[in-house]
C-alpha cells in the first residue's frame, strides 16, 4: 500500500475540494488512461485494489502508471467513544481528487484489453471516471 515516508504534520484539517484539476489532467506516459470526473478522496487501499484488478486482467506485458499518491492523513476516533477530547489518531492515507485528474495510465497492451482493465479498476473506485486516449492512437 502507498504511504509517505515522512510528513510535516501528523494530522490535517479536512478542507474542501473545489474547482478542476489543471495539473495531472493530460496523459503523460501511456496511450490510454482513467480520468476522474468527480471530486473525492481515494484511500491507499482503494488505489491498490484498482491497481490489482487492472494488473490481473492485463496479466503479462504492458506498463501501468499510478498518477496519484496518498499523502494526506485520515484520522478516526475509536468506536464507542464520546465526543470531545480532541482529534482522533491517524488511521490511513488518502489522495484528494479533483475532476479532470488522470488516475492511471496504461501502455503496451491492445486498446480493447486496456479499456476492459481500466473499466475493472473504475469499479473499485468511489468517484465517477471516464477512459481517455491519446490523440492519434
Protein backbone atom coordinates (compact mmCIF):
# COMPACT_ATOMS: atom_id res chain seq x y z
CA UNK A 1 0.00 0.00 0.00
CA UNK A 2 1.17 3.52 -0.76
CA UNK A 3 2.10 5.81 2.15
CA UNK A 4 4.54 8.68 2.59
CA UNK A 5 7.80 8.04 4.44
CA UNK A 6 7.63 11.29 6.39
CA UNK A 7 5.17 14.19 6.66
CA UNK A 8 5.43 17.66 8.13
CA UNK A 9 2.18 17.46 10.12
CA UNK A 10 0.65 14.32 11.64
CA UNK A 11 -2.98 15.49 11.42
CA UNK A 12 -4.56 17.70 8.76
CA UNK A 13 -7.83 19.57 8.62
CA UNK A 14 -10.28 18.22 6.05
CA UNK A 15 -10.59 21.27 3.82
CA UNK A 16 -12.82 21.41 0.75
CA UNK A 17 -12.14 20.28 -2.81
CA UNK A 18 -13.25 22.98 -5.23
CA UNK A 19 -12.56 23.59 -8.89
CA UNK A 20 -10.94 21.50 -11.59
CA UNK A 21 -7.58 19.78 -11.73
CA UNK A 22 -5.20 21.60 -14.03
CA UNK A 23 -2.09 19.66 -13.07
CA UNK A 24 -2.14 15.99 -13.97
CA UNK A 25 -5.09 16.39 -16.31
CA UNK A 26 -3.50 15.04 -19.50
CA UNK A 27 -1.86 11.75 -20.42
CA UNK A 28 1.89 11.93 -19.82
CA UNK A 29 3.18 8.35 -20.07
CA UNK A 30 0.66 5.88 -21.50
CA UNK A 31 -1.65 5.69 -24.50
CA UNK A 32 -4.88 5.22 -22.53
CA UNK A 33 -5.85 6.37 -19.05
CA UNK A 34 -8.56 6.68 -16.42
CA UNK A 35 -9.67 10.25 -15.63
CA UNK A 36 -11.82 11.37 -12.69
CA UNK A 37 -14.97 13.39 -13.42
CA UNK A 38 -15.96 13.98 -9.79
CA UNK A 39 -14.45 15.31 -6.55
CA UNK A 40 -13.46 12.82 -3.90
CA UNK A 41 -10.80 11.16 -1.81
CA UNK A 42 -9.13 7.88 -2.72
CA UNK A 43 -7.64 5.90 0.13
CA UNK A 44 -4.44 3.95 -0.35
CA UNK A 45 -6.49 0.71 -0.13
CA UNK A 46 -8.78 1.82 -2.98
CA UNK A 47 -5.82 2.84 -5.15
CA UNK A 48 -4.17 -0.54 -4.56
CA UNK A 49 -7.40 -2.51 -5.16
CA UNK A 50 -7.89 -0.80 -8.53
CA UNK A 51 -4.26 -1.45 -9.48
CA UNK A 52 -4.53 -5.16 -8.62
CA UNK A 53 -7.79 -5.52 -10.61
CA UNK A 54 -6.09 -3.89 -13.61
CA UNK A 55 -2.91 -5.97 -13.40
CA UNK A 56 -4.82 -9.24 -13.08
CA UNK A 57 -6.72 -8.51 -16.26
CA UNK A 58 -3.68 -7.37 -18.24
CA UNK A 59 -1.57 -10.30 -16.96
CA UNK A 60 1.90 -10.07 -18.52
CA UNK A 61 3.13 -7.26 -20.71
CA UNK A 62 2.30 -3.61 -20.70
CA UNK A 63 3.11 -0.95 -18.16
CA UNK A 64 0.82 0.77 -15.67
CA UNK A 65 1.44 4.18 -14.11
CA UNK A 66 -0.33 5.35 -10.94
CA UNK A 67 -0.57 9.14 -11.27
CA UNK A 68 -1.83 9.87 -7.74
CA UNK A 69 -0.22 9.45 -4.34
CA UNK A 70 -1.98 9.29 -0.95
CA UNK A 71 -0.17 11.89 1.14
CA UNK A 72 -2.96 13.23 3.37
CA UNK A 73 -3.61 11.52 6.71
CA UNK A 74 -7.08 10.23 7.65
CA UNK A 75 -7.91 10.29 11.35
CA UNK A 76 -10.60 8.40 13.23
CA UNK A 77 -11.72 8.18 16.84
CA UNK A 78 -12.07 4.73 18.43
CA UNK A 79 -15.50 3.09 18.36
CA UNK A 80 -17.91 3.81 21.23
CA UNK A 81 -16.02 6.94 22.29
CA UNK A 82 -17.87 10.05 23.45
CA UNK A 83 -17.46 13.31 21.53
CA UNK A 84 -14.85 15.79 22.68
CA UNK A 85 -11.33 15.03 23.91
CA UNK A 86 -9.63 16.11 20.69
CA UNK A 87 -8.99 14.73 17.24
CA UNK A 88 -8.61 11.02 16.61
CA UNK A 89 -5.39 9.19 15.79
CA UNK A 90 -4.19 8.78 12.18
CA UNK A 91 -5.51 5.52 10.66
CA UNK A 92 -4.62 5.77 6.96
CA UNK A 93 -3.72 7.90 3.96
CA UNK A 94 -5.78 9.40 1.15
CA UNK A 95 -5.29 11.31 -2.08
CA UNK A 96 -7.64 14.24 -2.78
CA UNK A 97 -9.06 14.04 -6.33
CA UNK A 98 -10.46 16.89 -8.43
CA UNK A 99 -12.40 16.47 -11.69
CA UNK A 100 -10.04 16.12 -14.65
CA UNK A 101 -7.26 14.33 -12.78
CA UNK A 102 -5.72 11.31 -14.57
CA UNK A 103 -5.55 8.45 -12.06
CA UNK A 104 -3.98 5.58 -14.03
CA UNK A 105 -2.26 5.20 -17.39
CA UNK A 106 -1.56 2.05 -19.43
CA UNK A 107 0.80 1.39 -22.34
CA UNK A 108 1.98 -1.66 -24.26
CA UNK A 109 -1.24 -3.69 -24.44
CA UNK A 110 -4.02 -3.81 -27.06
CA UNK A 111 -6.53 -0.98 -26.75
CA UNK A 112 -9.58 -3.20 -26.06
CA UNK A 113 -7.72 -5.12 -23.33
CA UNK A 114 -6.58 -1.86 -21.70
CA UNK A 115 -10.14 -0.49 -21.88
CA UNK A 116 -11.54 -3.56 -20.08
CA UNK A 117 -8.78 -3.40 -17.45
CA UNK A 118 -9.47 0.29 -16.76
CA UNK A 119 -13.20 -0.43 -16.51
CA UNK A 120 -12.48 -3.08 -13.86
CA UNK A 121 -10.31 -0.59 -11.99
CA UNK A 122 -13.04 2.07 -12.19
CA UNK A 123 -15.48 -0.29 -10.43
CA UNK A 124 -13.18 -0.31 -7.40
CA UNK A 125 -13.11 3.50 -7.05
CA UNK A 126 -15.66 5.74 -5.27
CA UNK A 127 -15.51 8.53 -7.91
CA UNK A 128 -17.00 8.62 -11.40
CA UNK A 129 -14.41 8.23 -14.13
CA UNK A 130 -14.02 8.20 -17.92
CA UNK A 131 -11.50 6.44 -20.13
CA UNK A 132 -9.34 8.80 -22.22
CA UNK A 133 -6.92 8.02 -25.05
CA UNK A 134 -4.05 9.94 -26.55
CA UNK A 135 -4.82 11.70 -29.85
CA UNK A 136 -3.64 9.76 -32.88
CA UNK A 137 -3.72 6.39 -31.10
